[in-house]
Amino acid sequence: MSEFIHGLLHLRRGAWELVASLLIALGVVMLMQPYLLWLYTWSFIVTLVGTVMFIIVSHFPE
């Protein structure tokens, strides 16, 4: 776990790509759930933020 936090603090690609991927997955789950309208409403924004974040962090050093 400390290696993950170290990667986040030192702007390493692997840790931030994991965070971005989790945001994309969370956005898709929010989009597909049928119960809460506010989750559905925010799903596009969460997915978009995760996608843009993934594009940006793919330029970070290993």
PDB file of N, CA and C in Angstrom:
ATOM      1  N   MET A   1       0.815  -1.196   0.000  1.00  0.00           N
ATOM      2  CA  MET A   1       0.000   0.000   0.000  1.00  0.00           C
ATOM      3  C   MET A   1       0.854   1.254   0.000  1.00  0.00           C
ATOM      4  N   SER A   2       1.947   1.236   0.712  1.00  0.00           N
ATOM      5  CA  SER A   2       2.793   2.424   0.751  1.00  0.00           C
ATOM      6  C   SER A   2       3.436   2.689  -0.606  1.00  0.00           C
ATOM      7  N   GLU A   3       3.667   1.627  -1.382  1.00  0.00           N
ATOM      8  CA  GLU A   3       4.212   1.817  -2.725  1.00  0.00           C
ATOM      9  C   GLU A   3       3.191   2.527  -3.621  1.00  0.00           C
ATOM     10  N   PHE A   4       1.920   2.203  -3.442  1.00  0.00           N
ATOM     11  CA  PHE A   4       0.857   2.869  -4.199  1.00  0.00           C
ATOM     12  C   PHE A   4       0.797   4.358  -3.850  1.00  0.00           C
ATOM     13  N   ILE A   5       0.828   4.671  -2.573  1.00  0.00           N
ATOM     14  CA  ILE A   5       0.793   6.071  -2.133  1.00  0.00           C
ATOM     15  C   ILE A   5       2.046   6.803  -2.591  1.00  0.00           C
ATOM     16  N   HIS A   6       3.182   6.132  -2.537  1.00  0.00           N
ATOM     17  CA  HIS A   6       4.434   6.715  -3.041  1.00  0.00           C
ATOM     18  C   HIS A   6       4.299   7.060  -4.523  1.00  0.00           C
ATOM     19  N   GLY A   7       3.674   6.165  -5.296  1.00  0.00           N
ATOM     20  CA  GLY A   7       3.462   6.419  -6.718  1.00  0.00           C
ATOM     21  C   GLY A   7       2.536   7.595  -6.965  1.00  0.00           C
ATOM     22  N   LEU A   8       1.519   7.744  -6.117  1.00  0.00           N
ATOM     23  CA  LEU A   8       0.614   8.884  -6.255  1.00  0.00           C
ATOM     24  C   LEU A   8       1.322  10.196  -5.950  1.00  0.00           C
ATOM     25  N   LEU A   9       2.078  10.204  -4.882  1.00  0.00           N
ATOM     26  CA  LEU A   9       2.749  11.439  -4.466  1.00  0.00           C
ATOM     27  C   LEU A   9       3.843  11.863  -5.436  1.00  0.00           C
ATOM     28  N   HIS A  10       4.477  10.899  -6.088  1.00  0.00           N
ATOM     29  CA  HIS A  10       5.576  11.212  -7.000  1.00  0.00           C
ATOM     30  C   HIS A  10       5.141  11.175  -8.461  1.00  0.00           C
ATOM     31  N   LEU A  11       3.836  11.238  -8.693  1.00  0.00           N
ATOM     32  CA  LEU A  11       3.245  11.306 -10.030  1.00  0.00           C
ATOM     33  C   LEU A  11       3.761  10.206 -10.954  1.00  0.00           C
ATOM     34  N   ARG A  12       3.646   8.979 -10.517  1.00  0.00           N
ATOM     35  CA  ARG A  12       4.032   7.825 -11.329  1.00  0.00           C
ATOM     36  C   ARG A  12       2.829   7.299 -12.084  1.00  0.00           C
ATOM     37  N   ARG A  13       3.051   6.832 -13.287  1.00  0.00           N
ATOM     38  CA  ARG A  13       1.982   6.441 -14.188  1.00  0.00           C
ATOM     39  C   ARG A  13       1.109   5.307 -13.646  1.00  0.00           C
ATOM     40  N   GLY A  14       1.710   4.270 -13.119  1.00  0.00           N
ATOM     41  CA  GLY A  14       0.949   3.091 -12.714  1.00  0.00           C
ATOM     42  C   GLY A  14      -0.131   3.385 -11.694  1.00  0.00           C
ATOM     43  N   ALA A  15       0.208   4.135 -10.672  1.00  0.00           N
ATOM     44  CA  ALA A  15      -0.750   4.437  -9.604  1.00  0.00           C
ATOM     45  C   ALA A  15      -1.886   5.322 -10.117  1.00  0.00           C
ATOM     46  N   TRP A  16      -1.555   6.330 -10.891  1.00  0.00           N
ATOM     47  CA  TRP A  16      -2.586   7.238 -11.378  1.00  0.00           C
ATOM     48  C   TRP A  16      -3.455   6.594 -12.453  1.00  0.00           C
ATOM     49  N   GLU A  17      -2.880   5.689 -13.261  1.00  0.00           N
ATOM     50  CA  GLU A  17      -3.692   4.969 -14.239  1.00  0.00           C
ATOM     51  C   GLU A  17      -4.707   4.071 -13.535  1.00  0.00           C
ATOM     52  N   LEU A  18      -4.311   3.500 -12.407  1.00  0.00           N
ATOM     53  CA  LEU A  18      -5.239   2.682 -11.635  1.00  0.00           C
ATOM     54  C   LEU A  18      -6.401   3.530 -11.117  1.00  0.00           C
ATOM     55  N   VAL A  19      -6.111   4.711 -10.609  1.00  0.00           N
ATOM     56  CA  VAL A  19      -7.161   5.604 -10.112  1.00  0.00           C
ATOM     57  C   VAL A  19      -8.096   6.005 -11.259  1.00  0.00           C
ATOM     58  N   ALA A  20      -7.514   6.347 -12.412  1.00  0.00           N
ATOM     59  CA  ALA A  20      -8.331   6.740 -13.560  1.00  0.00           C
ATOM     60  C   ALA A  20      -9.197   5.572 -14.038  1.00  0.00           C
ATOM     61  N   SER A  21      -8.645   4.382 -14.064  1.00  0.00           N
ATOM     62  CA  SER A  21      -9.412   3.205 -14.486  1.00  0.00           C
ATOM     63  C   SER A  21     -10.555   2.915 -13.523  1.00  0.00           C
ATOM     64  N   LEU A  22     -10.297   3.092 -12.237  1.00  0.00           N
ATOM     65  CA  LEU A  22     -11.357   2.891 -11.246  1.00  0.00           C
ATOM     66  C   LEU A  22     -12.477   3.924 -11.406  1.00  0.00           C
ATOM     67  N   LEU A  23     -12.109   5.155 -11.750  1.00  0.00           N
ATOM     68  CA  LEU A  23     -13.131   6.174 -11.998  1.00  0.00           C
ATOM     69  C   LEU A  23     -13.976   5.823 -13.214  1.00  0.00           C
ATOM     70  N   ILE A  24     -13.346   5.339 -14.273  1.00  0.00           N
ATOM     71  CA  ILE A  24     -14.093   4.932 -15.465  1.00  0.00           C
ATOM     72  C   ILE A  24     -15.041   3.793 -15.118  1.00  0.00           C
ATOM     73  N   ALA A  25     -14.545   2.797 -14.396  1.00  0.00           N
ATOM     74  CA  ALA A  25     -15.390   1.665 -14.012  1.00  0.00           C
ATOM     75  C   ALA A  25     -16.539   2.119 -13.114  1.00  0.00           C
ATOM     76  N   LEU A  26     -16.265   3.010 -12.179  1.00  0.00           N
ATOM     77  CA  LEU A  26     -17.312   3.532 -11.303  1.00  0.00           C
ATOM     78  C   LEU A  26     -18.380   4.265 -12.106  1.00  0.00           C
ATOM     79  N   GLY A  27     -17.956   5.064 -13.083  1.00  0.00           N
ATOM     80  CA  GLY A  27     -18.908   5.774 -13.932  1.00  0.00           C
ATOM     81  C   GLY A  27     -19.802   4.832 -14.715  1.00  0.00           C
ATOM     82  N   VAL A  28     -19.236   3.738 -15.219  1.00  0.00           N
ATOM     83  CA  VAL A  28     -20.034   2.766 -15.974  1.00  0.00           C
ATOM     84  C   VAL A  28     -21.032   2.064 -15.052  1.00  0.00           C
ATOM     85  N   VAL A  29     -20.592   1.710 -13.855  1.00  0.00           N
ATOM     86  CA  VAL A  29     -21.509   1.074 -12.889  1.00  0.00           C
ATOM     87  C   VAL A  29     -22.626   2.043 -12.516  1.00  0.00           C
ATOM     88  N   MET A  30     -22.276   3.301 -12.322  1.00  0.00           N
ATOM     89  CA  MET A  30     -23.291   4.308 -12.008  1.00  0.00           C
ATOM     90  C   MET A  30     -24.294   4.447 -13.155  1.00  0.00           C
ATOM     91  N   LEU A  31     -23.827   4.313 -14.368  1.00  0.00           N
ATOM     92  CA  LEU A  31     -24.701   4.430 -15.535  1.00  0.00           C
ATOM     93  C   LEU A  31     -25.672   3.262 -15.644  1.00  0.00           C
ATOM     94  N   MET A  32     -25.246   2.081 -15.248  1.00  0.00           N
ATOM     95  CA  MET A  32     -26.064   0.893 -15.437  1.00  0.00           C
ATOM     96  C   MET A  32     -26.997   0.571 -14.270  1.00  0.00           C
ATOM     97  N   GLN A  33     -26.836   1.223 -13.131  1.00  0.00           N
ATOM     98  CA  GLN A  33     -27.692   0.905 -11.988  1.00  0.00           C
ATOM     99  C   GLN A  33     -29.070   1.551 -12.181  1.00  0.00           C
ATOM    100  N   PRO A  34     -30.135   0.848 -11.819  1.00  0.00           N
ATOM    101  CA  PRO A  34     -31.483   1.371 -12.075  1.00  0.00           C
ATOM    102  C   PRO A  34     -32.163   2.028 -10.870  1.00  0.00           C
ATOM    103  N   TYR A  35     -31.470   2.250  -9.758  1.00  0.00           N
ATOM    104  CA  TYR A  35     -32.142   2.633  -8.520  1.00  0.00           C
ATOM    105  C   TYR A  35     -32.083   4.120  -8.187  1.00  0.00           C
ATOM    106  N   LEU A  36     -30.933   4.722  -8.309  1.00  0.00           N
ATOM    107  CA  LEU A  36     -30.776   6.104  -7.867  1.00  0.00           C
ATOM    108  C   LEU A  36     -30.541   7.032  -9.059  1.00  0.00           C
ATOM    109  N   LEU A  37     -31.430   7.979  -9.236  1.00  0.00           N
ATOM    110  CA  LEU A  37     -31.337   8.886 -10.375  1.00  0.00           C
ATOM    111  C   LEU A  37     -30.109   9.777 -10.294  1.00  0.00           C
ATOM    112  N   TRP A  38     -29.717  10.201  -9.088  1.00  0.00           N
ATOM    113  CA  TRP A  38     -28.559  11.097  -8.979  1.00  0.00           C
ATOM    114  C   TRP A  38     -27.268  10.384  -9.366  1.00  0.00           C
ATOM    115  N   LEU A  39     -27.175   9.058  -9.132  1.00  0.00           N
ATOM    116  CA  LEU A  39     -25.999   8.319  -9.597  1.00  0.00           C
ATOM    117  C   LEU A  39     -25.966   8.282 -11.123  1.00  0.00           C
ATOM    118  N   TYR A  40     -27.125   8.046 -11.722  1.00  0.00           N
ATOM    119  CA  TYR A  40     -27.210   8.042 -13.178  1.00  0.00           C
ATOM    120  C   TYR A  40     -26.863   9.417 -13.742  1.00  0.00           C
ATOM    121  N   THR A  41     -27.321  10.469 -13.071  1.00  0.00           N
ATOM    122  CA  THR A  41     -27.074  11.836 -13.527  1.00  0.00           C
ATOM    123  C   THR A  41     -25.581  12.159 -13.536  1.00  0.00           C
ATOM    124  N   TRP A  42     -24.855  11.716 -12.526  1.00  0.00           N
ATOM    125  CA  TRP A  42     -23.436  12.028 -12.414  1.00  0.00           C
ATOM    126  C   TRP A  42     -22.532  11.034 -13.145  1.00  0.00           C
ATOM    127  N   SER A  43     -23.093   9.969 -13.691  1.00  0.00           N
ATOM    128  CA  SER A  43     -22.270   8.916 -14.284  1.00  0.00           C
ATOM    129  C   SER A  43     -21.456   9.401 -15.477  1.00  0.00           C
ATOM    130  N   PHE A  44     -22.038  10.243 -16.331  1.00  0.00           N
ATOM    131  CA  PHE A  44     -21.308  10.724 -17.496  1.00  0.00           C
ATOM    132  C   PHE A  44     -20.110  11.567 -17.077  1.00  0.00           C
ATOM    133  N   ILE A  45     -20.305  12.439 -16.101  1.00  0.00           N
ATOM    134  CA  ILE A  45     -19.211  13.301 -15.628  1.00  0.00           C
ATOM    135  C   ILE A  45     -18.087  12.463 -15.036  1.00  0.00           C
ATOM    136  N   VAL A  46     -18.418  11.472 -14.231  1.00  0.00           N
ATOM    137  CA  VAL A  46     -17.407  10.621 -13.600  1.00  0.00           C
ATOM    138  C   VAL A  46     -16.630   9.844 -14.674  1.00  0.00           C
ATOM    139  N   THR A  47     -17.340   9.302 -15.658  1.00  0.00           N
ATOM    140  CA  THR A  47     -16.680   8.573 -16.736  1.00  0.00           C
ATOM    141  C   THR A  47     -15.802   9.502 -17.555  1.00  0.00           C
ATOM    142  N   LEU A  48     -16.271  10.692 -17.833  1.00  0.00           N
ATOM    143  CA  LEU A  48     -15.498  11.668 -18.598  1.00  0.00           C
ATOM    144  C   LEU A  48     -14.237  12.093 -17.852  1.00  0.00           C
ATOM    145  N   VAL A  49     -14.358  12.356 -16.567  1.00  0.00           N
ATOM    146  CA  VAL A  49     -13.192  12.736 -15.757  1.00  0.00           C
ATOM    147  C   VAL A  49     -12.171  11.607 -15.738  1.00  0.00           C
ATOM    148  N   GLY A  50     -12.634  10.377 -15.574  1.00  0.00           N
ATOM    149  CA  GLY A  50     -11.729   9.242 -15.587  1.00  0.00           C
ATOM    150  C   GLY A  50     -11.020   9.081 -16.924  1.00  0.00           C
ATOM    151  N   THR A  51     -11.736   9.291 -18.023  1.00  0.00           N
ATOM    152  CA  THR A  51     -11.142   9.159 -19.347  1.00  0.00           C
ATOM    153  C   THR A  51     -10.101  10.238 -19.606  1.00  0.00           C
ATOM    154  N   VAL A  52     -10.441  11.482 -19.303  1.00  0.00           N
ATOM    155  CA  VAL A  52      -9.486  12.583 -19.495  1.00  0.00           C
ATOM    156  C   VAL A  52      -8.283  12.401 -18.577  1.00  0.00           C
ATOM    157  N   MET A  53      -8.533  11.962 -17.363  1.00  0.00           N
ATOM    158  CA  MET A  53      -7.439  11.709 -16.416  1.00  0.00           C
ATOM    159  C   MET A  53      -6.515  10.619 -16.947  1.00  0.00           C
ATOM    160  N   PHE A  54      -7.086   9.560 -17.525  1.00  0.00           N
ATOM    161  CA  PHE A  54      -6.276   8.483 -18.070  1.00  0.00           C
ATOM    162  C   PHE A  54      -5.406   8.989 -19.223  1.00  0.00           C
ATOM    163  N   ILE A  55      -5.965   9.829 -20.069  1.00  0.00           N
ATOM    164  CA  ILE A  55      -5.196  10.391 -21.184  1.00  0.00           C
ATOM    165  C   ILE A  55      -4.034  11.234 -20.668  1.00  0.00           C
ATOM    166  N   ILE A  56      -4.283  12.034 -19.644  1.00  0.00           N
ATOM    167  CA  ILE A  56      -3.235  12.908 -19.097  1.00  0.00           C
ATOM    168  C   ILE A  56      -2.156  12.082 -18.405  1.00  0.00           C
ATOM    169  N   VAL A  57      -2.546  11.147 -17.553  1.00  0.00           N
ATOM    170  CA  VAL A  57      -1.543  10.410 -16.775  1.00  0.00           C
ATOM    171  C   VAL A  57      -0.787   9.401 -17.621  1.00  0.00           C
ATOM    172  N   SER A  58      -1.264   9.103 -18.818  1.00  0.00           N
ATOM    173  CA  SER A  58      -0.500   8.192 -19.663  1.00  0.00           C
ATOM    174  C   SER A  58       0.801   8.820 -20.132  1.00  0.00           C
ATOM    175  N   HIS A  59       0.949  10.115 -19.910  1.00  0.00           N
ATOM    176  CA  HIS A  59       2.195  10.815 -20.245  1.00  0.00           C
ATOM    177  C   HIS A  59       3.137  10.947 -19.049  1.00  0.00           C
ATOM    178  N   PHE A  60       2.727  10.478 -17.882  1.00  0.00           N
ATOM    179  CA  PHE A  60       3.575  10.524 -16.693  1.00  0.00           C
ATOM    180  C   PHE A  60       4.716   9.507 -16.832  1.00  0.00           C
ATOM    181  N   PRO A  61       5.816   9.728 -16.133  1.00  0.00           N
ATOM    182  CA  PRO A  61       6.920   8.746 -16.181  1.00  0.00           C
ATOM    183  C   PRO A  61       6.564   7.473 -15.430  1.00  0.00           C
ATOM    184  N   GLU A  62       7.217   6.387 -15.804  1.00  0.00           N
ATOM    185  CA  GLU A  62       7.018   5.106 -15.125  1.00  0.00           C
ATOM    186  C   GLU A  62       7.503   5.265 -13.710  1.00  0.00           C
TER     187      GLU A  62
END
